[in-house]
Amino acid sequence: MFSINNIILFLAALLGGLAVFLFKKENTKNLKLVLSFSGAYLFAITILHLMPDVYESGNKYTGLFVLLGFSFQIILEQFSEGIEHGHIHTHQHQQKNIFPIGIMLSLCLHAFLEGMPLVGQSIGNNELNSLVFGIAIHHIPAAFALASVLLSHQVKGNKLIIMLAIFAFMTPAGSYISQQIQQDTANNIHQYFPLMMATVIGIFLHISTTILFESNVDHRFNFYKMIAIIIGAGIAVVNFLLH
């Protein structure tokens, strides 16, 4: 479970959350650029790598489960308030001392599901590394937003670090459980793995497209965000063409 990829994912989320102590919440332009980059990169690798692989399984219900994952993410966001794509809505929380359990649970479930595709048997090493990089970059602004919300609820000190560590642990946990499912040939659970992957693809599609659609406020052109999007998608395309 403690592979180098899982360590990278854990540290990206944890350090992304702890960065809240280094930056002012109103000065997060660089994080927004990271968010635009990660959205474009995640969208590209989903289209170029994950979708072709899962459709090769030949299961006629694949598309249905992609839609299911997309819809499920919409439901999750009713509780997480869009934190998984970097939104910080601390102004909405008037009851400062109530722990945002809905936000925490929905984000942890989201992060857990993101770890499901990170299994070497399901995708090639190149695709695996690309996906790990994309999720790690995506988790930085998400963890930053989570830490901001926790601070607004007076969650501080060791408790804040523990909450961030739990969130950071969810994606490696999802990867580990996914690996166990693939190895459980006795009960034939592994035959349902492509449908699980299709569900995660739906989640990725929702997250990445939401980031891209929201990258330009009021549809105004933003040069730096456009460059970040082009670089993110470009890296995924070049990586795809070279392998």
C-alpha atoms as a PDB file:
ATOM      1  CA  MET A   1       0.000   0.000   0.000  1.00  0.00           C
ATOM      2  CA  PHE A   2       2.854   2.375   0.816  1.00  0.00           C
ATOM      3  CA  SER A   3       4.198   2.616  -2.742  1.00  0.00           C
ATOM      4  CA  ILE A   4       5.975   5.692  -4.016  1.00  0.00           C
ATOM      5  CA  ASN A   5       2.829   6.730  -5.898  1.00  0.00           C
ATOM      6  CA  ASN A   6       0.690   6.565  -2.775  1.00  0.00           C
ATOM      7  CA  ILE A   7       3.284   8.526  -0.820  1.00  0.00           C
ATOM      8  CA  ILE A   8       3.246  11.227  -3.519  1.00  0.00           C
ATOM      9  CA  LEU A   9      -0.557  11.402  -3.396  1.00  0.00           C
ATOM     10  CA  PHE A  10      -0.595  11.573   0.390  1.00  0.00           C
ATOM     11  CA  LEU A  11       2.026  14.319   0.595  1.00  0.00           C
ATOM     12  CA  ALA A  12       0.463  16.389  -2.213  1.00  0.00           C
ATOM     13  CA  ALA A  13      -2.863  16.555  -0.394  1.00  0.00           C
ATOM     14  CA  LEU A  14      -1.358  17.068   3.058  1.00  0.00           C
ATOM     15  CA  LEU A  15       1.077  19.787   2.000  1.00  0.00           C
ATOM     16  CA  GLY A  16      -1.585  21.425  -0.143  1.00  0.00           C
ATOM     17  CA  GLY A  17      -3.749  21.750   2.942  1.00  0.00           C
ATOM     18  CA  LEU A  18      -0.955  22.962   5.180  1.00  0.00           C
ATOM     19  CA  ALA A  19      -0.163  25.674   2.617  1.00  0.00           C
ATOM     20  CA  VAL A  20      -3.163  27.545   3.991  1.00  0.00           C
ATOM     21  CA  PHE A  21      -0.813  28.848   6.688  1.00  0.00           C
ATOM     22  CA  LEU A  22       1.532  30.312   4.083  1.00  0.00           C
ATOM     23  CA  PHE A  23      -0.890  32.109   1.773  1.00  0.00           C
ATOM     24  CA  LYS A  24      -3.635  34.591   2.393  1.00  0.00           C
ATOM     25  CA  LYS A  25      -6.997  33.217   1.288  1.00  0.00           C
ATOM     26  CA  GLU A  26      -7.672  36.312  -0.809  1.00  0.00           C
ATOM     27  CA  ASN A  27      -4.348  35.902  -2.634  1.00  0.00           C
ATOM     28  CA  THR A  28      -4.648  32.495  -4.268  1.00  0.00           C
ATOM     29  CA  LYS A  29      -3.977  33.345  -7.918  1.00  0.00           C
ATOM     30  CA  ASN A  30      -1.230  30.745  -8.212  1.00  0.00           C
ATOM     31  CA  LEU A  31      -3.489  28.046  -6.783  1.00  0.00           C
ATOM     32  CA  LYS A  32      -6.124  28.938  -9.355  1.00  0.00           C
ATOM     33  CA  LEU A  33      -3.548  28.457 -12.096  1.00  0.00           C
ATOM     34  CA  VAL A  34      -2.662  25.065 -10.625  1.00  0.00           C
ATOM     35  CA  LEU A  35      -6.367  24.250 -10.607  1.00  0.00           C
ATOM     36  CA  SER A  36      -6.758  25.173 -14.293  1.00  0.00           C
ATOM     37  CA  PHE A  37      -3.695  23.115 -15.178  1.00  0.00           C
ATOM     38  CA  SER A  38      -4.935  20.087 -13.226  1.00  0.00           C
ATOM     39  CA  GLY A  39      -8.433  20.292 -14.723  1.00  0.00           C
ATOM     40  CA  ALA A  40      -7.088  20.290 -18.277  1.00  0.00           C
ATOM     41  CA  TYR A  41      -4.585  17.527 -17.529  1.00  0.00           C
ATOM     42  CA  LEU A  42      -7.141  15.331 -15.756  1.00  0.00           C
ATOM     43  CA  PHE A  43      -9.660  15.780 -18.574  1.00  0.00           C
ATOM     44  CA  ALA A  44      -7.068  14.890 -21.217  1.00  0.00           C
ATOM     45  CA  ILE A  45      -5.801  11.712 -19.557  1.00  0.00           C
ATOM     46  CA  THR A  46      -9.383  10.610 -18.899  1.00  0.00           C
ATOM     47  CA  ILE A  47     -10.220  10.934 -22.601  1.00  0.00           C
ATOM     48  CA  LEU A  48      -6.910   9.613 -23.938  1.00  0.00           C
ATOM     49  CA  HIS A  49      -6.157   6.803 -21.484  1.00  0.00           C
ATOM     50  CA  LEU A  50      -8.942   5.798 -19.125  1.00  0.00           C
ATOM     51  CA  MET A  51     -11.983   5.829 -21.396  1.00  0.00           C
ATOM     52  CA  PRO A  52     -10.452   3.734 -24.221  1.00  0.00           C
ATOM     53  CA  ASP A  53      -9.214   1.166 -21.702  1.00  0.00           C
ATOM     54  CA  VAL A  54     -12.549   0.748 -19.937  1.00  0.00           C
ATOM     55  CA  TYR A  55     -14.521   0.514 -23.191  1.00  0.00           C
ATOM     56  CA  GLU A  56     -12.220  -2.297 -24.328  1.00  0.00           C
ATOM     57  CA  SER A  57     -13.886  -4.498 -21.723  1.00  0.00           C
ATOM     58  CA  GLY A  58     -16.873  -4.772 -24.049  1.00  0.00           C
ATOM     59  CA  ASN A  59     -19.432  -4.391 -21.259  1.00  0.00           C
ATOM     60  CA  LYS A  60     -22.577  -2.820 -22.697  1.00  0.00           C
ATOM     61  CA  TYR A  61     -23.271  -1.023 -19.401  1.00  0.00           C
ATOM     62  CA  THR A  62     -20.000   0.926 -19.443  1.00  0.00           C
ATOM     63  CA  GLY A  63     -21.564   4.163 -20.680  1.00  0.00           C
ATOM     64  CA  LEU A  64     -24.366   3.851 -18.146  1.00  0.00           C
ATOM     65  CA  PHE A  65     -21.870   3.694 -15.294  1.00  0.00           C
ATOM     66  CA  VAL A  66     -19.958   6.684 -16.672  1.00  0.00           C
ATOM     67  CA  LEU A  67     -23.213   8.636 -16.428  1.00  0.00           C
ATOM     68  CA  LEU A  68     -23.751   7.199 -12.954  1.00  0.00           C
ATOM     69  CA  GLY A  69     -20.370   8.475 -11.791  1.00  0.00           C
ATOM     70  CA  PHE A  70     -21.019  11.883 -13.322  1.00  0.00           C
ATOM     71  CA  SER A  71     -24.385  12.111 -11.554  1.00  0.00           C
ATOM     72  CA  PHE A  72     -22.955  10.801  -8.285  1.00  0.00           C
ATOM     73  CA  GLN A  73     -20.396  13.613  -8.255  1.00  0.00           C
ATOM     74  CA  ILE A  74     -23.220  16.142  -8.638  1.00  0.00           C
ATOM     75  CA  ILE A  75     -24.794  14.676  -5.490  1.00  0.00           C
ATOM     76  CA  LEU A  76     -21.487  14.747  -3.607  1.00  0.00           C
ATOM     77  CA  GLU A  77     -21.054  18.417  -4.396  1.00  0.00           C
ATOM     78  CA  GLN A  78     -24.299  19.229  -2.621  1.00  0.00           C
ATOM     79  CA  PHE A  79     -22.423  18.354   0.577  1.00  0.00           C
ATOM     80  CA  SER A  80     -18.848  19.328  -0.318  1.00  0.00           C
ATOM     81  CA  GLU A  81     -19.865  22.706  -1.815  1.00  0.00           C
ATOM     82  CA  GLY A  82     -17.405  22.272  -4.684  1.00  0.00           C
ATOM     83  CA  ILE A  83     -14.268  22.101  -2.563  1.00  0.00           C
ATOM     84  CA  GLU A  84     -12.937  19.246  -4.727  1.00  0.00           C
ATOM     85  CA  HIS A  85     -12.413  21.768  -7.506  1.00  0.00           C
ATOM     86  CA  GLY A  86     -10.960  24.476  -5.311  1.00  0.00           C
ATOM     87  CA  HIS A  87     -13.994  26.472  -4.177  1.00  0.00           C
ATOM     88  CA  ILE A  88     -13.739  28.228  -0.826  1.00  0.00           C
ATOM     89  CA  HIS A  89     -17.113  29.256   0.567  1.00  0.00           C
ATOM     90  CA  THR A  90     -16.213  30.187   4.124  1.00  0.00           C
ATOM     91  CA  HIS A  91     -18.662  33.095   4.002  1.00  0.00           C
ATOM     92  CA  GLN A  92     -21.571  30.675   3.940  1.00  0.00           C
ATOM     93  CA  HIS A  93     -20.780  29.130   7.290  1.00  0.00           C
ATOM     94  CA  GLN A  94     -22.287  31.135  10.103  1.00  0.00           C
ATOM     95  CA  GLN A  95     -22.074  28.490  12.818  1.00  0.00           C
ATOM     96  CA  LYS A  96     -18.349  28.593  13.342  1.00  0.00           C
ATOM     97  CA  ASN A  97     -18.033  25.879  15.971  1.00  0.00           C
ATOM     98  CA  ILE A  98     -19.944  23.154  14.131  1.00  0.00           C
ATOM     99  CA  PHE A  99     -17.637  20.692  12.400  1.00  0.00           C
ATOM    100  CA  PRO A 100     -18.489  20.468   8.652  1.00  0.00           C
ATOM    101  CA  ILE A 101     -19.040  16.707   8.709  1.00  0.00           C
ATOM    102  CA  GLY A 102     -20.929  16.668   5.394  1.00  0.00           C
ATOM    103  CA  ILE A 103     -18.048  18.388   3.623  1.00  0.00           C
ATOM    104  CA  MET A 104     -15.460  16.120   5.200  1.00  0.00           C
ATOM    105  CA  LEU A 105     -17.306  12.877   4.441  1.00  0.00           C
ATOM    106  CA  SER A 106     -18.131  13.776   0.843  1.00  0.00           C
ATOM    107  CA  LEU A 107     -14.549  14.872   0.138  1.00  0.00           C
ATOM    108  CA  CYS A 108     -13.137  11.702   1.663  1.00  0.00           C
ATOM    109  CA  LEU A 109     -15.489   9.556  -0.415  1.00  0.00           C
ATOM    110  CA  HIS A 110     -14.532  11.520  -3.522  1.00  0.00           C
ATOM    111  CA  ALA A 111     -10.805  11.072  -2.803  1.00  0.00           C
ATOM    112  CA  PHE A 112     -11.307   7.357  -2.069  1.00  0.00           C
ATOM    113  CA  LEU A 113     -13.012   6.800  -5.430  1.00  0.00           C
ATOM    114  CA  GLU A 114     -10.239   8.708  -7.210  1.00  0.00           C
ATOM    115  CA  GLY A 115      -7.797   6.099  -5.978  1.00  0.00           C
ATOM    116  CA  MET A 116      -9.694   3.212  -7.593  1.00  0.00           C
ATOM    117  CA  PRO A 117      -8.020   3.457 -11.039  1.00  0.00           C
ATOM    118  CA  LEU A 118      -4.510   3.559  -9.546  1.00  0.00           C
ATOM    119  CA  VAL A 119      -3.808  -0.130  -9.932  1.00  0.00           C
ATOM    120  CA  GLY A 120      -0.936  -1.363 -12.064  1.00  0.00           C
ATOM    121  CA  GLN A 121      -2.870  -4.372 -13.362  1.00  0.00           C
ATOM    122  CA  SER A 122      -5.627  -2.214 -14.847  1.00  0.00           C
ATOM    123  CA  ILE A 123      -3.520   0.321 -16.750  1.00  0.00           C
ATOM    124  CA  GLY A 124       0.021   0.538 -18.029  1.00  0.00           C
ATOM    125  CA  ASN A 125       2.809   2.082 -16.020  1.00  0.00           C
ATOM    126  CA  ASN A 126       2.867   5.179 -18.208  1.00  0.00           C
ATOM    127  CA  GLU A 127      -0.878   5.734 -17.795  1.00  0.00           C
ATOM    128  CA  LEU A 128      -0.559   5.052 -14.072  1.00  0.00           C
ATOM    129  CA  ASN A 129       2.155   7.672 -13.627  1.00  0.00           C
ATOM    130  CA  SER A 130       0.145  10.193 -15.656  1.00  0.00           C
ATOM    131  CA  LEU A 131      -2.927   9.617 -13.520  1.00  0.00           C
ATOM    132  CA  VAL A 132      -1.001   9.854 -10.252  1.00  0.00           C
ATOM    133  CA  PHE A 133       0.468  13.181 -11.358  1.00  0.00           C
ATOM    134  CA  GLY A 134      -2.945  14.509 -12.372  1.00  0.00           C
ATOM    135  CA  ILE A 135      -4.665  13.534  -9.128  1.00  0.00           C
ATOM    136  CA  ALA A 136      -1.784  14.837  -7.008  1.00  0.00           C
ATOM    137  CA  ILE A 137      -1.917  18.253  -8.692  1.00  0.00           C
ATOM    138  CA  HIS A 138      -5.717  18.273  -8.433  1.00  0.00           C
ATOM    139  CA  HIS A 139      -5.588  17.594  -4.683  1.00  0.00           C
ATOM    140  CA  ILE A 140      -3.395  20.591  -3.885  1.00  0.00           C
ATOM    141  CA  PRO A 141      -6.088  23.295  -4.344  1.00  0.00           C
ATOM    142  CA  ALA A 142      -8.784  20.927  -3.045  1.00  0.00           C
ATOM    143  CA  ALA A 143      -6.882  20.366   0.206  1.00  0.00           C
ATOM    144  CA  PHE A 144      -6.167  24.096   0.465  1.00  0.00           C
ATOM    145  CA  ALA A 145      -9.886  24.835   0.170  1.00  0.00           C
ATOM    146  CA  LEU A 146     -10.698  22.148   2.748  1.00  0.00           C
ATOM    147  CA  ALA A 147      -8.189  23.591   5.209  1.00  0.00           C
ATOM    148  CA  SER A 148      -9.680  27.070   4.707  1.00  0.00           C
ATOM    149  CA  VAL A 149     -13.169  25.783   5.498  1.00  0.00           C
ATOM    150  CA  LEU A 150     -11.916  23.903   8.564  1.00  0.00           C
ATOM    151  CA  LEU A 151     -10.214  27.047   9.837  1.00  0.00           C
ATOM    152  CA  SER A 152     -13.459  28.973   9.385  1.00  0.00           C
ATOM    153  CA  HIS A 153     -15.064  26.403  11.707  1.00  0.00           C
ATOM    154  CA  GLN A 154     -12.369  26.975  14.328  1.00  0.00           C
ATOM    155  CA  VAL A 155     -10.675  23.641  13.568  1.00  0.00           C
ATOM    156  CA  LYS A 156      -7.042  24.413  14.305  1.00  0.00           C
ATOM    157  CA  GLY A 157      -3.735  22.938  15.418  1.00  0.00           C
ATOM    158  CA  ASN A 158      -3.357  19.175  15.651  1.00  0.00           C
ATOM    159  CA  LYS A 159      -7.035  18.582  14.881  1.00  0.00           C
ATOM    160  CA  LEU A 160      -6.688  20.381  11.552  1.00  0.00           C
ATOM    161  CA  ILE A 161      -3.589  18.361  10.674  1.00  0.00           C
ATOM    162  CA  ILE A 162      -5.376  15.106  11.554  1.00  0.00           C
ATOM    163  CA  MET A 163      -8.360  16.025   9.361  1.00  0.00           C
ATOM    164  CA  LEU A 164      -6.055  16.840   6.455  1.00  0.00           C
ATOM    165  CA  ALA A 165      -4.145  13.597   6.980  1.00  0.00           C
ATOM    166  CA  ILE A 166      -7.395  11.616   6.873  1.00  0.00           C
ATOM    167  CA  PHE A 167      -8.338  13.304   3.601  1.00  0.00           C
ATOM    168  CA  ALA A 168      -4.837  12.712   2.193  1.00  0.00           C
ATOM    169  CA  PHE A 169      -5.019   9.024   3.172  1.00  0.00           C
ATOM    170  CA  MET A 170      -8.266   8.365   1.286  1.00  0.00           C
ATOM    171  CA  THR A 171      -6.841   8.131  -2.247  1.00  0.00           C
ATOM    172  CA  PRO A 172      -4.087   5.636  -1.295  1.00  0.00           C
ATOM    173  CA  ALA A 173      -6.771   3.674   0.589  1.00  0.00           C
ATOM    174  CA  GLY A 174      -8.936   3.594  -2.537  1.00  0.00           C
ATOM    175  CA  SER A 175      -5.976   2.327  -4.550  1.00  0.00           C
ATOM    176  CA  TYR A 176      -5.309  -0.422  -2.011  1.00  0.00           C
ATOM    177  CA  ILE A 177      -8.935  -1.606  -1.889  1.00  0.00           C
ATOM    178  CA  SER A 178      -9.067  -1.565  -5.687  1.00  0.00           C
ATOM    179  CA  GLN A 179      -5.987  -3.782  -5.828  1.00  0.00           C
ATOM    180  CA  GLN A 180      -7.546  -6.238  -3.402  1.00  0.00           C
ATOM    181  CA  ILE A 181     -10.689  -6.373  -5.535  1.00  0.00           C
ATOM    182  CA  GLN A 182      -8.671  -7.175  -8.642  1.00  0.00           C
ATOM    183  CA  GLN A 183      -6.831  -9.943  -6.822  1.00  0.00           C
ATOM    184  CA  ASP A 184     -10.013 -11.516  -5.439  1.00  0.00           C
ATOM    185  CA  THR A 185     -10.493 -13.968  -8.283  1.00  0.00           C
ATOM    186  CA  ALA A 186     -12.142 -16.543  -5.999  1.00  0.00           C
ATOM    187  CA  ASN A 187     -15.396 -14.588  -5.771  1.00  0.00           C
ATOM    188  CA  ASN A 188     -15.110 -13.143  -9.303  1.00  0.00           C
ATOM    189  CA  ILE A 189     -15.401  -9.629  -7.896  1.00  0.00           C
ATOM    190  CA  HIS A 190     -12.726  -8.496 -10.346  1.00  0.00           C
ATOM    191  CA  GLN A 191     -15.132  -8.903 -13.273  1.00  0.00           C
ATOM    192  CA  TYR A 192     -16.972  -5.792 -12.064  1.00  0.00           C
ATOM    193  CA  PHE A 193     -13.823  -3.683 -12.017  1.00  0.00           C
ATOM    194  CA  PRO A 194     -14.394  -2.110 -15.473  1.00  0.00           C
ATOM    195  CA  LEU A 195     -17.775  -0.828 -14.279  1.00  0.00           C
ATOM    196  CA  MET A 196     -16.160   0.607 -11.159  1.00  0.00           C
ATOM    197  CA  MET A 197     -13.608   2.274 -13.395  1.00  0.00           C
ATOM    198  CA  ALA A 198     -16.404   3.663 -15.562  1.00  0.00           C
ATOM    199  CA  THR A 199     -17.978   5.226 -12.471  1.00  0.00           C
ATOM    200  CA  VAL A 200     -14.690   6.895 -11.545  1.00  0.00           C
ATOM    201  CA  ILE A 201     -14.309   8.143 -15.126  1.00  0.00           C
ATOM    202  CA  GLY A 202     -17.694   9.837 -14.790  1.00  0.00           C
ATOM    203  CA  ILE A 203     -16.474  11.543 -11.615  1.00  0.00           C
ATOM    204  CA  PHE A 204     -13.271  12.665 -13.341  1.00  0.00           C
ATOM    205  CA  LEU A 205     -15.243  14.057 -16.271  1.00  0.00           C
ATOM    206  CA  HIS A 206     -17.467  16.097 -13.965  1.00  0.00           C
ATOM    207  CA  ILE A 207     -14.585  17.462 -11.891  1.00  0.00           C
ATOM    208  CA  SER A 208     -12.356  18.350 -14.843  1.00  0.00           C
ATOM    209  CA  THR A 209     -15.067  19.932 -16.994  1.00  0.00           C
ATOM    210  CA  THR A 210     -16.377  21.931 -14.036  1.00  0.00           C
ATOM    211  CA  ILE A 211     -12.893  23.310 -13.450  1.00  0.00           C
ATOM    212  CA  LEU A 212     -12.509  24.207 -17.125  1.00  0.00           C
ATOM    213  CA  PHE A 213     -15.946  25.820 -17.407  1.00  0.00           C
ATOM    214  CA  GLU A 214     -15.330  27.875 -14.278  1.00  0.00           C
ATOM    215  CA  SER A 215     -11.765  28.850 -15.117  1.00  0.00           C
ATOM    216  CA  ASN A 216     -12.933  32.070 -16.752  1.00  0.00           C
ATOM    217  CA  VAL A 217     -15.268  34.096 -14.549  1.00  0.00           C
ATOM    218  CA  ASP A 218     -18.137  35.605 -16.569  1.00  0.00           C
ATOM    219  CA  HIS A 219     -16.487  34.074 -19.660  1.00  0.00           C
ATOM    220  CA  ARG A 220     -13.762  36.696 -19.597  1.00  0.00           C
ATOM    221  CA  PHE A 221     -10.527  35.761 -21.287  1.00  0.00           C
ATOM    222  CA  ASN A 222      -7.691  35.158 -18.834  1.00  0.00           C
ATOM    223  CA  PHE A 223      -4.348  34.773 -20.560  1.00  0.00           C
ATOM    224  CA  TYR A 224      -2.521  33.017 -17.729  1.00  0.00           C
ATOM    225  CA  LYS A 225      -5.292  30.531 -17.075  1.00  0.00           C
ATOM    226  CA  MET A 226      -5.516  29.767 -20.780  1.00  0.00           C
ATOM    227  CA  ILE A 227      -1.781  29.086 -20.864  1.00  0.00           C
ATOM    228  CA  ALA A 228      -2.129  26.797 -17.811  1.00  0.00           C
ATOM    229  CA  ILE A 229      -4.934  24.892 -19.546  1.00  0.00           C
ATOM    230  CA  ILE A 230      -2.959  24.532 -22.774  1.00  0.00           C
ATOM    231  CA  ILE A 231       0.114  23.302 -20.904  1.00  0.00           C
ATOM    232  CA  GLY A 232      -1.923  20.809 -18.859  1.00  0.00           C
ATOM    233  CA  ALA A 233      -3.670  19.326 -21.884  1.00  0.00           C
ATOM    234  CA  GLY A 234      -0.497  19.542 -23.976  1.00  0.00           C
ATOM    235  CA  ILE A 235       1.567  17.483 -21.538  1.00  0.00           C
ATOM    236  CA  ALA A 236      -1.084  14.759 -21.540  1.00  0.00           C
ATOM    237  CA  VAL A 237      -1.257  14.728 -25.343  1.00  0.00           C
ATOM    238  CA  VAL A 238       2.528  14.625 -25.794  1.00  0.00           C
ATOM    239  CA  ASN A 239       2.797  11.843 -23.249  1.00  0.00           C
ATOM    240  CA  PHE A 240       0.089   9.929 -25.116  1.00  0.00           C
ATOM    241  CA  LEU A 241       1.764  10.349 -28.504  1.00  0.00           C
ATOM    242  CA  LEU A 242       5.186   9.312 -27.241  1.00  0.00           C
ATOM    243  CA  HIS A 243       3.952   6.051 -25.729  1.00  0.00           C
END
